[in-house]
Amino acid sequence: MTYPADQAYLKWMAIAAFCIAFAPLVWPVLRARP
């Protein structure tokens, strides 16, 4: 894991995991808004 592409890949995978983990918590709040 010494290539910049691998670092970017890990970064985007972390962002995707973060979004997937918090989507169920944020989605009801967004839908509740008028």
PDB file of N, CA and C in Angstrom:
ATOM      1  N   MET A   1       0.847  -1.201   0.000  1.00  0.00           N
ATOM      2  CA  MET A   1       0.000   0.000   0.000  1.00  0.00           C
ATOM      3  C   MET A   1       0.881   1.249   0.000  1.00  0.00           C
ATOM      4  N   THR A   2       1.734   1.347  -0.990  1.00  0.00           N
ATOM      5  CA  THR A   2       2.649   2.487  -1.040  1.00  0.00           C
ATOM      6  C   THR A   2       2.315   3.408  -2.210  1.00  0.00           C
ATOM      7  N   TYR A   3       1.337   3.000  -3.030  1.00  0.00           N
ATOM      8  CA  TYR A   3       0.989   3.814  -4.192  1.00  0.00           C
ATOM      9  C   TYR A   3      -0.097   4.831  -3.830  1.00  0.00           C
ATOM     10  N   PRO A   4      -0.022   6.039  -4.390  1.00  0.00           N
ATOM     11  CA  PRO A   4      -1.040   7.068  -4.118  1.00  0.00           C
ATOM     12  C   PRO A   4      -2.446   6.585  -4.472  1.00  0.00           C
ATOM     13  N   ALA A   5      -2.545   5.773  -5.531  1.00  0.00           N
ATOM     14  CA  ALA A   5      -3.857   5.270  -5.938  1.00  0.00           C
ATOM     15  C   ALA A   5      -4.475   4.428  -4.822  1.00  0.00           C
ATOM     16  N   ASP A   6      -3.641   3.664  -4.114  1.00  0.00           N
ATOM     17  CA  ASP A   6      -4.154   2.844  -3.018  1.00  0.00           C
ATOM     18  C   ASP A   6      -4.648   3.729  -1.879  1.00  0.00           C
ATOM     19  N   GLN A   7      -3.939   4.825  -1.628  1.00  0.00           N
ATOM     20  CA  GLN A   7      -4.365   5.741  -0.568  1.00  0.00           C
ATOM     21  C   GLN A   7      -5.711   6.358  -0.928  1.00  0.00           C
ATOM     22  N   ALA A   8      -5.863   6.762  -2.184  1.00  0.00           N
ATOM     23  CA  ALA A   8      -7.132   7.351  -2.617  1.00  0.00           C
ATOM     24  C   ALA A   8      -8.249   6.311  -2.527  1.00  0.00           C
ATOM     25  N   TYR A   9      -7.918   5.059  -2.905  1.00  0.00           N
ATOM     26  CA  TYR A   9      -8.908   3.984  -2.845  1.00  0.00           C
ATOM     27  C   TYR A   9      -9.378   3.765  -1.412  1.00  0.00           C
ATOM     28  N   LEU A  10      -8.430   3.723  -0.481  1.00  0.00           N
ATOM     29  CA  LEU A  10      -8.794   3.526   0.925  1.00  0.00           C
ATOM     30  C   LEU A  10      -9.610   4.707   1.434  1.00  0.00           C
ATOM     31  N   LYS A  11      -9.257   5.915   0.978  1.00  0.00           N
ATOM     32  CA  LYS A  11      -9.993   7.105   1.414  1.00  0.00           C
ATOM     33  C   LYS A  11     -11.446   7.026   0.965  1.00  0.00           C
ATOM     34  N   TRP A  12     -11.654   6.678  -0.313  1.00  0.00           N
ATOM     35  CA  TRP A  12     -13.023   6.605  -0.819  1.00  0.00           C
ATOM     36  C   TRP A  12     -13.788   5.436  -0.207  1.00  0.00           C
ATOM     37  N   MET A  13     -13.100   4.351   0.093  1.00  0.00           N
ATOM     38  CA  MET A  13     -13.767   3.225   0.739  1.00  0.00           C
ATOM     39  C   MET A  13     -14.205   3.611   2.143  1.00  0.00           C
ATOM     40  N   ALA A  14     -13.387   4.409   2.836  1.00  0.00           N
ATOM     41  CA  ALA A  14     -13.747   4.875   4.173  1.00  0.00           C
ATOM     42  C   ALA A  14     -14.941   5.814   4.099  1.00  0.00           C
ATOM     43  N   ILE A  15     -14.955   6.691   3.086  1.00  0.00           N
ATOM     44  CA  ILE A  15     -16.083   7.615   2.919  1.00  0.00           C
ATOM     45  C   ILE A  15     -17.360   6.833   2.613  1.00  0.00           C
ATOM     46  N   ALA A  16     -17.240   5.817   1.752  1.00  0.00           N
ATOM     47  CA  ALA A  16     -18.407   5.009   1.403  1.00  0.00           C
ATOM     48  C   ALA A  16     -18.936   4.269   2.631  1.00  0.00           C
ATOM     49  N   ALA A  17     -18.031   3.709   3.428  1.00  0.00           N
ATOM     50  CA  ALA A  17     -18.442   2.989   4.633  1.00  0.00           C
ATOM     51  C   ALA A  17     -19.125   3.943   5.610  1.00  0.00           C
ATOM     52  N   PHE A  18     -18.588   5.170   5.705  1.00  0.00           N
ATOM     53  CA  PHE A  18     -19.175   6.167   6.604  1.00  0.00           C
ATOM     54  C   PHE A  18     -20.588   6.511   6.158  1.00  0.00           C
ATOM     55  N   CYS A  19     -20.763   6.717   4.846  1.00  0.00           N
ATOM     56  CA  CYS A  19     -22.089   7.059   4.322  1.00  0.00           C
ATOM     57  C   CYS A  19     -23.072   5.909   4.539  1.00  0.00           C
ATOM     58  N   ILE A  20     -22.618   4.684   4.276  1.00  0.00           N
ATOM     59  CA  ILE A  20     -23.495   3.522   4.437  1.00  0.00           C
ATOM     60  C   ILE A  20     -23.885   3.335   5.901  1.00  0.00           C
ATOM     61  N   ALA A  21     -22.954   3.631   6.806  1.00  0.00           N
ATOM     62  CA  ALA A  21     -23.216   3.430   8.224  1.00  0.00           C
ATOM     63  C   ALA A  21     -24.213   4.459   8.763  1.00  0.00           C
ATOM     64  N   PHE A  22     -24.135   5.698   8.254  1.00  0.00           N
ATOM     65  CA  PHE A  22     -24.972   6.760   8.802  1.00  0.00           C
ATOM     66  C   PHE A  22     -26.214   7.053   7.966  1.00  0.00           C
ATOM     67  N   ALA A  23     -26.308   6.464   6.771  1.00  0.00           N
ATOM     68  CA  ALA A  23     -27.474   6.702   5.920  1.00  0.00           C
ATOM     69  C   ALA A  23     -28.792   6.363   6.631  1.00  0.00           C
ATOM     70  N   PRO A  24     -28.903   5.207   7.313  1.00  0.00           N
ATOM     71  CA  PRO A  24     -30.164   4.870   7.991  1.00  0.00           C
ATOM     72  C   PRO A  24     -30.527   5.867   9.087  1.00  0.00           C
ATOM     73  N   LEU A  25     -29.534   6.561   9.644  1.00  0.00           N
ATOM     74  CA  LEU A  25     -29.814   7.524  10.709  1.00  0.00           C
ATOM     75  C   LEU A  25     -30.219   8.877  10.134  1.00  0.00           C
ATOM     76  N   VAL A  26     -29.637   9.230   8.997  1.00  0.00           N
ATOM     77  CA  VAL A  26     -29.886  10.557   8.419  1.00  0.00           C
ATOM     78  C   VAL A  26     -31.119  10.561   7.520  1.00  0.00           C
ATOM     79  N   TRP A  27     -31.373   9.455   6.837  1.00  0.00           N
ATOM     80  CA  TRP A  27     -32.469   9.401   5.872  1.00  0.00           C
ATOM     81  C   TRP A  27     -33.829   9.758   6.486  1.00  0.00           C
ATOM     82  N   PRO A  28     -34.226   9.214   7.644  1.00  0.00           N
ATOM     83  CA  PRO A  28     -35.526   9.585   8.235  1.00  0.00           C
ATOM     84  C   PRO A  28     -35.603  11.071   8.550  1.00  0.00           C
ATOM     85  N   VAL A  29     -34.492  11.671   8.952  1.00  0.00           N
ATOM     86  CA  VAL A  29     -34.486  13.108   9.264  1.00  0.00           C
ATOM     87  C   VAL A  29     -34.710  13.916   7.996  1.00  0.00           C
ATOM     88  N   LEU A  30     -34.071  13.501   6.912  1.00  0.00           N
ATOM     89  CA  LEU A  30     -34.245  14.223   5.649  1.00  0.00           C
ATOM     90  C   LEU A  30     -35.672  14.069   5.137  1.00  0.00           C
ATOM     91  N   ARG A  31     -36.257  12.907   5.302  1.00  0.00           N
ATOM     92  CA  ARG A  31     -37.626  12.676   4.827  1.00  0.00           C
ATOM     93  C   ARG A  31     -38.636  13.406   5.692  1.00  0.00           C
ATOM     94  N   ALA A  32     -38.300  13.639   6.956  1.00  0.00           N
ATOM     95  CA  ALA A  32     -39.239  14.295   7.861  1.00  0.00           C
ATOM     96  C   ALA A  32     -39.343  15.790   7.559  1.00  0.00           C
ATOM     97  N   ARG A  33     -38.345  16.326   6.858  1.00  0.00           N
ATOM     98  CA  ARG A  33     -38.378  17.754   6.540  1.00  0.00           C
ATOM     99  C   ARG A  33     -39.427  18.029   5.472  1.00  0.00           C
ATOM    100  N   PRO A  34     -40.129  19.159   5.559  1.00  0.00           N
ATOM    101  CA  PRO A  34     -41.189  19.494   4.599  1.00  0.00           C
ATOM    102  C   PRO A  34     -40.625  19.790   3.207  1.00  0.00           C
TER     103      PRO A  34
END
